[in-house]
C-alpha atoms as a PDB file:
ATOM      1  CA  MET A   1      -0.166  -0.053  -0.050  1.00  0.00           C
ATOM      2  CA  LYS A   2       2.554   2.786   1.091  1.00  0.00           C
ATOM      3  CA  LYS A   3       4.938   1.452  -1.857  1.00  0.00           C
ATOM      4  CA  THR A   4       1.890   2.064  -4.332  1.00  0.00           C
ATOM      5  CA  VAL A   5       0.811   5.791  -2.675  1.00  0.00           C
ATOM      6  CA  PHE A   6       4.587   6.302  -3.161  1.00  0.00           C
ATOM      7  CA  LYS A   7       4.628   5.743  -6.668  1.00  0.00           C
ATOM      8  CA  THR A   8       1.662   7.831  -7.346  1.00  0.00           C
ATOM      9  CA  ALA A   9       3.391  10.576  -5.469  1.00  0.00           C
ATOM     10  CA  CYS A  10       6.226  10.637  -7.876  1.00  0.00           C
ATOM     11  CA  THR A  11       4.463   9.869 -10.991  1.00  0.00           C
ATOM     12  CA  ALA A  12       2.335  13.150  -9.850  1.00  0.00           C
ATOM     13  CA  LEU A  13       5.434  15.151  -9.042  1.00  0.00           C
ATOM     14  CA  ASN A  14       7.198  14.210 -12.299  1.00  0.00           C
ATOM     15  CA  ASN A  15       4.128  15.461 -14.067  1.00  0.00           C
ATOM     16  CA  PHE A  16       3.730  18.664 -12.401  1.00  0.00           C
ATOM     17  CA  LYS A  17       7.498  19.429 -12.976  1.00  0.00           C
ATOM     18  CA  ILE A  18       7.082  18.871 -16.588  1.00  0.00           C
ATOM     19  CA  HIS A  19       3.953  21.292 -16.721  1.00  0.00           C
ATOM     20  CA  PHE A  20       6.103  23.607 -14.756  1.00  0.00           C
ATOM     21  CA  PHE A  21       9.126  23.630 -17.313  1.00  0.00           C
ATOM     22  CA  VAL A  22       6.317  23.834 -20.266  1.00  0.00           C
ATOM     23  CA  LEU A  23       4.707  27.117 -18.665  1.00  0.00           C
ATOM     24  CA  SER A  24       7.791  28.821 -17.563  1.00  0.00           C
ATOM     25  CA  ALA A  25       9.216  28.603 -21.009  1.00  0.00           C
ATOM     26  CA  PHE A  26       5.677  29.658 -22.789  1.00  0.00           C
ATOM     27  CA  ILE A  27       5.488  32.670 -20.125  1.00  0.00           C
ATOM     28  CA  PHE A  28       9.145  33.629 -20.748  1.00  0.00           C
ATOM     29  CA  LEU A  29       8.558  33.726 -24.162  1.00  0.00           C
ATOM     30  CA  MET A  30       5.652  35.641 -24.348  1.00  0.00           C
ATOM     31  CA  LEU A  31       6.848  38.313 -22.043  1.00  0.00           C
ATOM     32  CA  SER A  32      10.477  38.631 -23.905  1.00  0.00           C
ATOM     33  CA  GLY A  33      10.463  41.938 -25.344  1.00  0.00           C
ATOM     34  CA  ASN A  34      11.438  41.531 -29.117  1.00  0.00           C
ATOM     35  CA  ALA A  35      10.580  39.027 -31.578  1.00  0.00           C
ATOM     36  CA  TYR A  36      12.239  38.821 -34.905  1.00  0.00           C
ATOM     37  CA  ALA A  37      11.324  35.900 -37.781  1.00  0.00           C
ATOM     38  CA  MET A  38      13.329  33.255 -36.819  1.00  0.00           C
ATOM     39  CA  HIS A  39      13.664  30.565 -39.674  1.00  0.00           C
ATOM     40  CA  ILE A  40      12.650  31.289 -43.284  1.00  0.00           C
ATOM     41  CA  SER A  41      10.339  34.658 -42.699  1.00  0.00           C
ATOM     42  CA  GLU A  42       6.698  35.028 -44.252  1.00  0.00           C
ATOM     43  CA  GLY A  43       6.508  35.828 -47.829  1.00  0.00           C
ATOM     44  CA  ILE A  44      10.283  35.377 -48.726  1.00  0.00           C
ATOM     45  CA  LEU A  45       9.744  32.302 -50.842  1.00  0.00           C
ATOM     46  CA  PRO A  46       8.064  32.503 -54.365  1.00  0.00           C
ATOM     47  CA  PHE A  47       4.767  30.518 -54.168  1.00  0.00           C
ATOM     48  CA  ASN A  48       6.082  27.502 -56.508  1.00  0.00           C
ATOM     49  CA  TRP A  49       8.698  27.476 -54.367  1.00  0.00           C
ATOM     50  CA  ALA A  50       6.691  27.038 -51.061  1.00  0.00           C
ATOM     51  CA  VAL A  51       4.582  24.906 -52.258  1.00  0.00           C
ATOM     52  CA  LEU A  52       7.619  22.371 -53.419  1.00  0.00           C
ATOM     53  CA  TRP A  53       8.872  22.297 -49.829  1.00  0.00           C
ATOM     54  CA  PHE A  54       5.494  21.119 -48.310  1.00  0.00           C
ATOM     55  CA  VAL A  55       5.224  18.757 -50.916  1.00  0.00           C
ATOM     56  CA  VAL A  56       8.556  17.143 -49.875  1.00  0.00           C
ATOM     57  CA  ALA A  57       7.928  17.530 -45.819  1.00  0.00           C
ATOM     58  CA  ALA A  58       4.678  16.410 -45.892  1.00  0.00           C
ATOM     59  CA  PRO A  59       5.475  12.381 -45.937  1.00  0.00           C
ATOM     60  CA  PHE A  60       8.337  12.864 -43.536  1.00  0.00           C
ATOM     61  CA  VAL A  61       5.707  14.259 -40.726  1.00  0.00           C
ATOM     62  CA  ALA A  62       3.105  11.578 -41.981  1.00  0.00           C
ATOM     63  CA  TYR A  63       5.701   8.664 -41.015  1.00  0.00           C
ATOM     64  CA  GLY A  64       6.464  10.520 -37.931  1.00  0.00           C
ATOM     65  CA  LEU A  65       2.792  10.740 -36.446  1.00  0.00           C
ATOM     66  CA  TYR A  66       3.202   7.005 -37.622  1.00  0.00           C
ATOM     67  CA  LYS A  67       5.714   6.126 -35.475  1.00  0.00           C
ATOM     68  CA  LEU A  68       4.538   7.991 -32.381  1.00  0.00           C
ATOM     69  CA  LYS A  69       0.836   6.552 -33.181  1.00  0.00           C
ATOM     70  CA  LYS A  70       3.238   2.885 -33.343  1.00  0.00           C
ATOM     71  CA  LEU A  71       4.927   3.431 -30.451  1.00  0.00           C
ATOM     72  CA  SER A  72       2.400   4.917 -28.085  1.00  0.00           C
ATOM     73  CA  SER A  73       0.060   2.010 -28.613  1.00  0.00           C
ATOM     74  CA  ILE A  74       3.153  -0.498 -27.094  1.00  0.00           C
ATOM     75  CA  ASP A  75       4.294   1.595 -24.025  1.00  0.00           C
ATOM     76  CA  PRO A  76       1.913   4.930 -23.042  1.00  0.00           C
ATOM     77  CA  SER A  77       4.186   6.385 -20.959  1.00  0.00           C
ATOM     78  CA  PHE A  78       5.933   7.547 -24.539  1.00  0.00           C
ATOM     79  CA  LYS A  79       3.951   9.994 -25.719  1.00  0.00           C
ATOM     80  CA  PRO A  80       4.437  12.093 -22.987  1.00  0.00           C
ATOM     81  CA  LEU A  81       8.153  11.872 -23.133  1.00  0.00           C
ATOM     82  CA  VAL A  82       8.181  13.070 -26.934  1.00  0.00           C
ATOM     83  CA  GLY A  83       5.880  15.913 -25.681  1.00  0.00           C
ATOM     84  CA  LEU A  84       8.775  16.513 -23.305  1.00  0.00           C
ATOM     85  CA  VAL A  85      11.805  16.251 -26.154  1.00  0.00           C
ATOM     86  CA  ALA A  86       9.153  18.913 -28.405  1.00  0.00           C
ATOM     87  CA  ALA A  87       8.990  20.963 -25.460  1.00  0.00           C
ATOM     88  CA  VAL A  88      13.240  21.449 -25.193  1.00  0.00           C
ATOM     89  CA  VAL A  89      13.164  21.703 -29.171  1.00  0.00           C
ATOM     90  CA  PHE A  90      10.536  24.668 -29.298  1.00  0.00           C
ATOM     91  CA  ILE A  91      12.604  26.163 -26.658  1.00  0.00           C
ATOM     92  CA  ILE A  92      16.334  25.956 -27.954  1.00  0.00           C
ATOM     93  CA  SER A  93      15.128  26.729 -31.746  1.00  0.00           C
ATOM     94  CA  CYS A  94      13.680  30.073 -30.148  1.00  0.00           C
ATOM     95  CA  MET A  95      16.968  32.221 -29.181  1.00  0.00           C
ATOM     96  CA  PRO A  96      16.887  34.016 -32.676  1.00  0.00           C
ATOM     97  CA  MET A  97      20.189  36.112 -33.464  1.00  0.00           C
ATOM     98  CA  PRO A  98      18.909  37.788 -37.017  1.00  0.00           C
ATOM     99  CA  VAL A  99      20.700  37.791 -40.238  1.00  0.00           C
ATOM    100  CA  PRO A 100      19.653  40.936 -42.561  1.00  0.00           C
ATOM    101  CA  THR A 101      21.842  40.187 -45.101  1.00  0.00           C
ATOM    102  CA  ALA A 102      20.166  36.541 -45.676  1.00  0.00           C
ATOM    103  CA  GLY A 103      16.512  37.185 -45.281  1.00  0.00           C
ATOM    104  CA  THR A 104      16.534  34.925 -42.105  1.00  0.00           C
ATOM    105  CA  CYS A 105      17.916  34.416 -38.680  1.00  0.00           C
ATOM    106  CA  SER A 106      20.622  32.240 -36.847  1.00  0.00           C
ATOM    107  CA  HIS A 107      19.513  30.566 -34.051  1.00  0.00           C
ATOM    108  CA  PRO A 108      20.018  26.561 -32.157  1.00  0.00           C
ATOM    109  CA  CYS A 109      18.378  24.112 -33.572  1.00  0.00           C
ATOM    110  CA  GLY A 110      17.456  21.385 -30.897  1.00  0.00           C
ATOM    111  CA  THR A 111      17.006  18.552 -33.700  1.00  0.00           C
ATOM    112  CA  GLY A 112      20.615  17.108 -32.801  1.00  0.00           C
ATOM    113  CA  ILE A 113      19.634  15.820 -29.154  1.00  0.00           C
ATOM    114  CA  SER A 114      15.598  15.063 -30.276  1.00  0.00           C
ATOM    115  CA  ALA A 115      16.836  12.556 -33.444  1.00  0.00           C
ATOM    116  CA  ILE A 116      19.602  10.783 -31.014  1.00  0.00           C
ATOM    117  CA  LEU A 117      16.690  10.112 -28.238  1.00  0.00           C
ATOM    118  CA  LEU A 118      13.628   9.407 -30.892  1.00  0.00           C
ATOM    119  CA  GLY A 119      15.284   8.882 -34.102  1.00  0.00           C
ATOM    120  CA  PRO A 120      14.645  11.098 -37.276  1.00  0.00           C
ATOM    121  CA  GLY A 121      11.014  10.108 -38.014  1.00  0.00           C
ATOM    122  CA  LEU A 122      10.026  11.619 -34.839  1.00  0.00           C
ATOM    123  CA  SER A 123      12.501  14.375 -34.628  1.00  0.00           C
ATOM    124  CA  VAL A 124      11.053  15.827 -37.816  1.00  0.00           C
ATOM    125  CA  LEU A 125       7.431  15.688 -36.403  1.00  0.00           C
ATOM    126  CA  VAL A 126       8.983  17.231 -32.864  1.00  0.00           C
ATOM    127  CA  ALA A 127      10.492  19.996 -35.263  1.00  0.00           C
ATOM    128  CA  ALA A 128       7.051  20.423 -37.313  1.00  0.00           C
ATOM    129  CA  VAL A 129       4.988  20.797 -34.330  1.00  0.00           C
ATOM    130  CA  ALA A 130       7.716  23.480 -32.696  1.00  0.00           C
ATOM    131  CA  LEU A 131       7.820  25.501 -35.749  1.00  0.00           C
ATOM    132  CA  PHE A 132       4.345  25.699 -36.472  1.00  0.00           C
ATOM    133  CA  ILE A 133       3.366  26.893 -33.007  1.00  0.00           C
ATOM    134  CA  GLN A 134       6.300  29.307 -33.275  1.00  0.00           C
ATOM    135  CA  ALA A 135       4.712  30.619 -36.860  1.00  0.00           C
ATOM    136  CA  LEU A 136       1.631  30.799 -35.428  1.00  0.00           C
ATOM    137  CA  PHE A 137       1.723  32.163 -32.376  1.00  0.00           C
ATOM    138  CA  LEU A 138       5.132  33.929 -31.871  1.00  0.00           C
ATOM    139  CA  ALA A 139       6.127  35.119 -35.678  1.00  0.00           C
ATOM    140  CA  HIS A 140       8.948  33.370 -35.651  1.00  0.00           C
ATOM    141  CA  GLY A 141       9.126  31.693 -39.298  1.00  0.00           C
ATOM    142  CA  GLY A 142       5.947  31.966 -41.502  1.00  0.00           C
ATOM    143  CA  LEU A 143       3.253  29.493 -42.542  1.00  0.00           C
ATOM    144  CA  SER A 144       3.856  30.000 -46.110  1.00  0.00           C
ATOM    145  CA  THR A 145       7.309  28.668 -45.612  1.00  0.00           C
ATOM    146  CA  LEU A 146       6.400  25.940 -43.112  1.00  0.00           C
ATOM    147  CA  GLY A 147       7.508  23.898 -45.695  1.00  0.00           C
ATOM    148  CA  ALA A 148      10.366  24.837 -46.257  1.00  0.00           C
ATOM    149  CA  ASN A 149      11.568  25.211 -42.615  1.00  0.00           C
ATOM    150  CA  ILE A 150      10.819  21.821 -42.022  1.00  0.00           C
ATOM    151  CA  VAL A 151      12.968  20.405 -44.480  1.00  0.00           C
ATOM    152  CA  SER A 152      15.515  22.274 -43.349  1.00  0.00           C
ATOM    153  CA  MET A 153      15.710  21.869 -39.205  1.00  0.00           C
ATOM    154  CA  GLY A 154      13.306  19.230 -39.307  1.00  0.00           C
ATOM    155  CA  ILE A 155      14.452  16.547 -42.067  1.00  0.00           C
ATOM    156  CA  MET A 156      17.843  17.457 -42.928  1.00  0.00           C
ATOM    157  CA  GLY A 157      19.177  18.460 -39.337  1.00  0.00           C
ATOM    158  CA  SER A 158      17.494  15.081 -37.847  1.00  0.00           C
ATOM    159  CA  PHE A 159      18.814  12.544 -40.169  1.00  0.00           C
ATOM    160  CA  ALA A 160      22.129  14.593 -40.730  1.00  0.00           C
ATOM    161  CA  GLY A 161      22.605  14.169 -36.261  1.00  0.00           C
ATOM    162  CA  TYR A 162      21.102  10.747 -36.237  1.00  0.00           C
ATOM    163  CA  ILE A 163      23.345   9.492 -39.000  1.00  0.00           C
ATOM    164  CA  THR A 164      26.459  11.217 -37.395  1.00  0.00           C
ATOM    165  CA  PHE A 165      25.617   9.654 -33.959  1.00  0.00           C
ATOM    166  CA  LYS A 166      25.135   6.298 -35.073  1.00  0.00           C
ATOM    167  CA  THR A 167      28.097   6.394 -37.159  1.00  0.00           C
ATOM    168  CA  LEU A 168      30.302   8.079 -34.397  1.00  0.00           C
ATOM    169  CA  ARG A 169      28.992   5.103 -32.045  1.00  0.00           C
ATOM    170  CA  GLY A 170      29.743   2.489 -34.502  1.00  0.00           C
ATOM    171  CA  PHE A 171      33.353   3.292 -34.149  1.00  0.00           C
ATOM    172  CA  ASN A 172      32.697   3.177 -30.164  1.00  0.00           C
ATOM    173  CA  THR A 173      33.393   7.160 -29.517  1.00  0.00           C
ATOM    174  CA  ASN A 174      32.296   8.489 -26.142  1.00  0.00           C
ATOM    175  CA  LEU A 175      28.716   9.769 -25.544  1.00  0.00           C
ATOM    176  CA  PHE A 176      29.547  13.312 -25.413  1.00  0.00           C
ATOM    177  CA  ALA A 177      31.897  13.199 -28.351  1.00  0.00           C
ATOM    178  CA  ALA A 178      29.481  11.472 -30.585  1.00  0.00           C
ATOM    179  CA  GLY A 179      26.599  13.989 -29.211  1.00  0.00           C
ATOM    180  CA  PHE A 180      28.726  16.940 -29.687  1.00  0.00           C
ATOM    181  CA  VAL A 181      29.184  16.136 -33.378  1.00  0.00           C
ATOM    182  CA  ALA A 182      26.004  15.558 -33.949  1.00  0.00           C
ATOM    183  CA  GLY A 183      24.796  18.522 -32.412  1.00  0.00           C
ATOM    184  CA  LEU A 184      27.292  20.926 -34.435  1.00  0.00           C
ATOM    185  CA  ILE A 185      26.443  18.465 -38.023  1.00  0.00           C
ATOM    186  CA  ALA A 186      22.380  18.738 -37.320  1.00  0.00           C
ATOM    187  CA  ASP A 187      22.911  22.505 -36.826  1.00  0.00           C
ATOM    188  CA  TRP A 188      25.338  23.235 -40.024  1.00  0.00           C
ATOM    189  CA  ALA A 189      22.999  20.748 -41.784  1.00  0.00           C
ATOM    190  CA  THR A 190      20.204  23.078 -41.277  1.00  0.00           C
ATOM    191  CA  TYR A 191      21.766  25.942 -42.588  1.00  0.00           C
ATOM    192  CA  LEU A 192      23.219  24.493 -45.561  1.00  0.00           C
ATOM    193  CA  SER A 193      19.539  23.505 -46.474  1.00  0.00           C
ATOM    194  CA  THR A 194      18.223  26.926 -45.742  1.00  0.00           C
ATOM    195  CA  SER A 195      20.869  28.463 -47.944  1.00  0.00           C
ATOM    196  CA  VAL A 196      19.693  26.521 -50.742  1.00  0.00           C
ATOM    197  CA  GLU A 197      15.891  27.058 -50.251  1.00  0.00           C
ATOM    198  CA  LEU A 198      16.885  30.583 -50.178  1.00  0.00           C
ATOM    199  CA  ALA A 199      18.989  30.833 -53.185  1.00  0.00           C
ATOM    200  CA  SER A 200      16.857  28.687 -55.277  1.00  0.00           C
ATOM    201  CA  GLY A 201      13.882  30.810 -54.025  1.00  0.00           C
ATOM    202  CA  ILE A 202      15.007  34.172 -54.812  1.00  0.00           C
ATOM    203  CA  MET A 203      17.755  33.814 -57.243  1.00  0.00           C
ATOM    204  CA  GLY A 204      15.410  34.734 -60.333  1.00  0.00           C
ATOM    205  CA  GLY A 205      17.722  34.684 -63.465  1.00  0.00           C
ATOM    206  CA  SER A 206      20.838  35.435 -61.558  1.00  0.00           C
ATOM    207  CA  PRO A 207      23.023  32.291 -60.924  1.00  0.00           C
ATOM    208  CA  PHE A 208      22.644  29.601 -58.130  1.00  0.00           C
ATOM    209  CA  MET A 209      26.042  29.333 -57.038  1.00  0.00           C
ATOM    210  CA  PRO A 210      27.033  32.984 -56.017  1.00  0.00           C
ATOM    211  CA  LEU A 211      23.779  33.164 -54.472  1.00  0.00           C
ATOM    212  CA  PHE A 212      24.050  30.582 -52.437  1.00  0.00           C
ATOM    213  CA  THR A 213      27.731  31.387 -51.536  1.00  0.00           C
ATOM    214  CA  LYS A 214      26.688  34.715 -50.326  1.00  0.00           C
ATOM    215  CA  ILE A 215      24.436  33.339 -47.978  1.00  0.00           C
ATOM    216  CA  ILE A 216      26.473  30.740 -46.633  1.00  0.00           C
ATOM    217  CA  ILE A 217      28.832  33.531 -46.281  1.00  0.00           C
ATOM    218  CA  ALA A 218      26.361  35.888 -44.309  1.00  0.00           C
ATOM    219  CA  PHE A 219      25.346  32.932 -41.638  1.00  0.00           C
ATOM    220  CA  VAL A 220      29.139  32.288 -40.996  1.00  0.00           C
ATOM    221  CA  PRO A 221      29.813  34.784 -38.371  1.00  0.00           C
ATOM    222  CA  THR A 222      27.117  33.557 -36.140  1.00  0.00           C
ATOM    223  CA  GLN A 223      25.900  30.165 -37.381  1.00  0.00           C
ATOM    224  CA  LEU A 224      29.975  28.782 -36.732  1.00  0.00           C
ATOM    225  CA  PRO A 225      29.999  29.486 -33.146  1.00  0.00           C
ATOM    226  CA  LEU A 226      26.348  28.563 -32.720  1.00  0.00           C
ATOM    227  CA  GLY A 227      26.935  25.133 -34.100  1.00  0.00           C
ATOM    228  CA  ILE A 228      29.813  24.464 -31.802  1.00  0.00           C
ATOM    229  CA  LEU A 229      27.403  25.883 -28.776  1.00  0.00           C
ATOM    230  CA  GLU A 230      25.070  23.677 -29.917  1.00  0.00           C
ATOM    231  CA  GLY A 231      27.383  20.509 -30.189  1.00  0.00           C
ATOM    232  CA  ALA A 232      28.414  21.214 -26.656  1.00  0.00           C
ATOM    233  CA  ILE A 233      24.987  21.036 -25.529  1.00  0.00           C
ATOM    234  CA  THR A 234      23.691  18.352 -27.387  1.00  0.00           C
ATOM    235  CA  GLY A 235      27.028  16.328 -25.809  1.00  0.00           C
ATOM    236  CA  GLY A 236      26.269  18.114 -22.452  1.00  0.00           C
ATOM    237  CA  MET A 237      22.392  16.837 -22.345  1.00  0.00           C
ATOM    238  CA  VAL A 238      23.243  12.908 -23.604  1.00  0.00           C
ATOM    239  CA  VAL A 239      25.882  12.668 -20.642  1.00  0.00           C
ATOM    240  CA  LEU A 240      23.390  14.300 -18.356  1.00  0.00           C
ATOM    241  CA  LEU A 241      20.873  11.468 -19.223  1.00  0.00           C
ATOM    242  CA  TYR A 242      23.475   8.905 -18.610  1.00  0.00           C
ATOM    243  CA  LYS A 243      24.387   9.756 -15.303  1.00  0.00           C
ATOM    244  CA  LYS A 244      21.217  10.393 -13.774  1.00  0.00           C
ATOM    245  CA  ARG A 245      18.680   8.288 -16.216  1.00  0.00           C
ATOM    246  CA  PRO A 246      20.311   5.779 -18.474  1.00  0.00           C
ATOM    247  CA  ASP A 247      17.203   3.362 -18.516  1.00  0.00           C
ATOM    248  CA  LEU A 248      15.670   6.190 -20.390  1.00  0.00           C
ATOM    249  CA  LEU A 249      18.618   5.458 -22.817  1.00  0.00           C
ATOM    250  CA  ILE A 250      18.224   2.482 -22.967  1.00  0.00           C
ATOM    251  CA  LYS A 251      14.388   2.330 -23.879  1.00  0.00           C
ATOM    252  CA  MET A 252      14.957   4.779 -26.773  1.00  0.00           C
ATOM    253  CA  LYS A 253      17.909   2.661 -27.664  1.00  0.00           C
ATOM    254  CA  VAL A 254      20.618   5.287 -27.667  1.00  0.00           C
ATOM    255  CA  ILE A 255      22.818   3.039 -25.925  1.00  0.00           C
ATOM    256  CA  LYS A 256      21.999  -0.908 -25.442  1.00  0.00           C
ATOM    257  CA  SER A 257      23.130  -1.250 -21.320  1.00  0.00           C
ATOM    258  CA  VAL A 258      25.023   0.813 -18.983  1.00  0.00           C
ATOM    259  CA  GLY A 259      28.763   0.861 -19.462  1.00  0.00           C
ATOM    260  CA  GLY A 260      28.918  -1.046 -22.169  1.00  0.00           C
ATOM    261  CA  VAL A 261      31.591   1.091 -23.778  1.00  0.00           C
ATOM    262  CA  ALA A 262      34.228   2.490 -22.132  1.00  0.00           C
ATOM    263  CA  ASN A 263      34.669   5.779 -20.225  1.00  0.00           C
ATOM    264  CA  GLU A 264      30.987   6.551 -22.037  1.00  0.00           C
ATOM    265  CA  ALA A 265      30.728   9.771 -20.488  1.00  0.00           C
END
């Protein structure tokens, strides 16, 4: 009886902490003084390009929904975990640094850590939800450019980060180093694909490569250090989970067992 009461109390406390975390983040964002249009802003891309990126993004988002439904039916506790990761991605990607010369802004993405924990399919869905809420309620990004932003941050960032992490772990790289490089590559892949989207959409009759190069160069001063910072955050979060909740990493198939690789952290 006492064990049941204690377990119920712990569950209630954990739920409270999750709700408090999300609510605090929401209030913080609502009270912020300035709002910059993050990601690719509304109206930047021509209609035909905006539609194209929606078409590209749609099957990945649909697959993410399928994965969420399938895994949640097996383990009901999985859905709240995905929600918590989505909140983390939402907050991380709400730290914009305007880049006037590129028609957008720089910011950490968070898809590196979400791809490591959830896999790339669910990470795309998490990014799509975060991007939609930001565009709809915070004027960050745009609804017409939502497809393009999902492709760059959700698809490219997630798959680049996931493949990098799994490849490095295959060579017995420790968790921090693998997480660091995965977060870095996920961030830079996002801005590489954003540059492709911008150059393709606004080039008109101009050559693609010169415009693409200019946009990349415009991103470098902010995104180079931000990518390194996101790498450190990603690696640190993975190591923290390994030390505090290794069972979660095993459950999400990030690691096979505790202590399976020498000097994990």
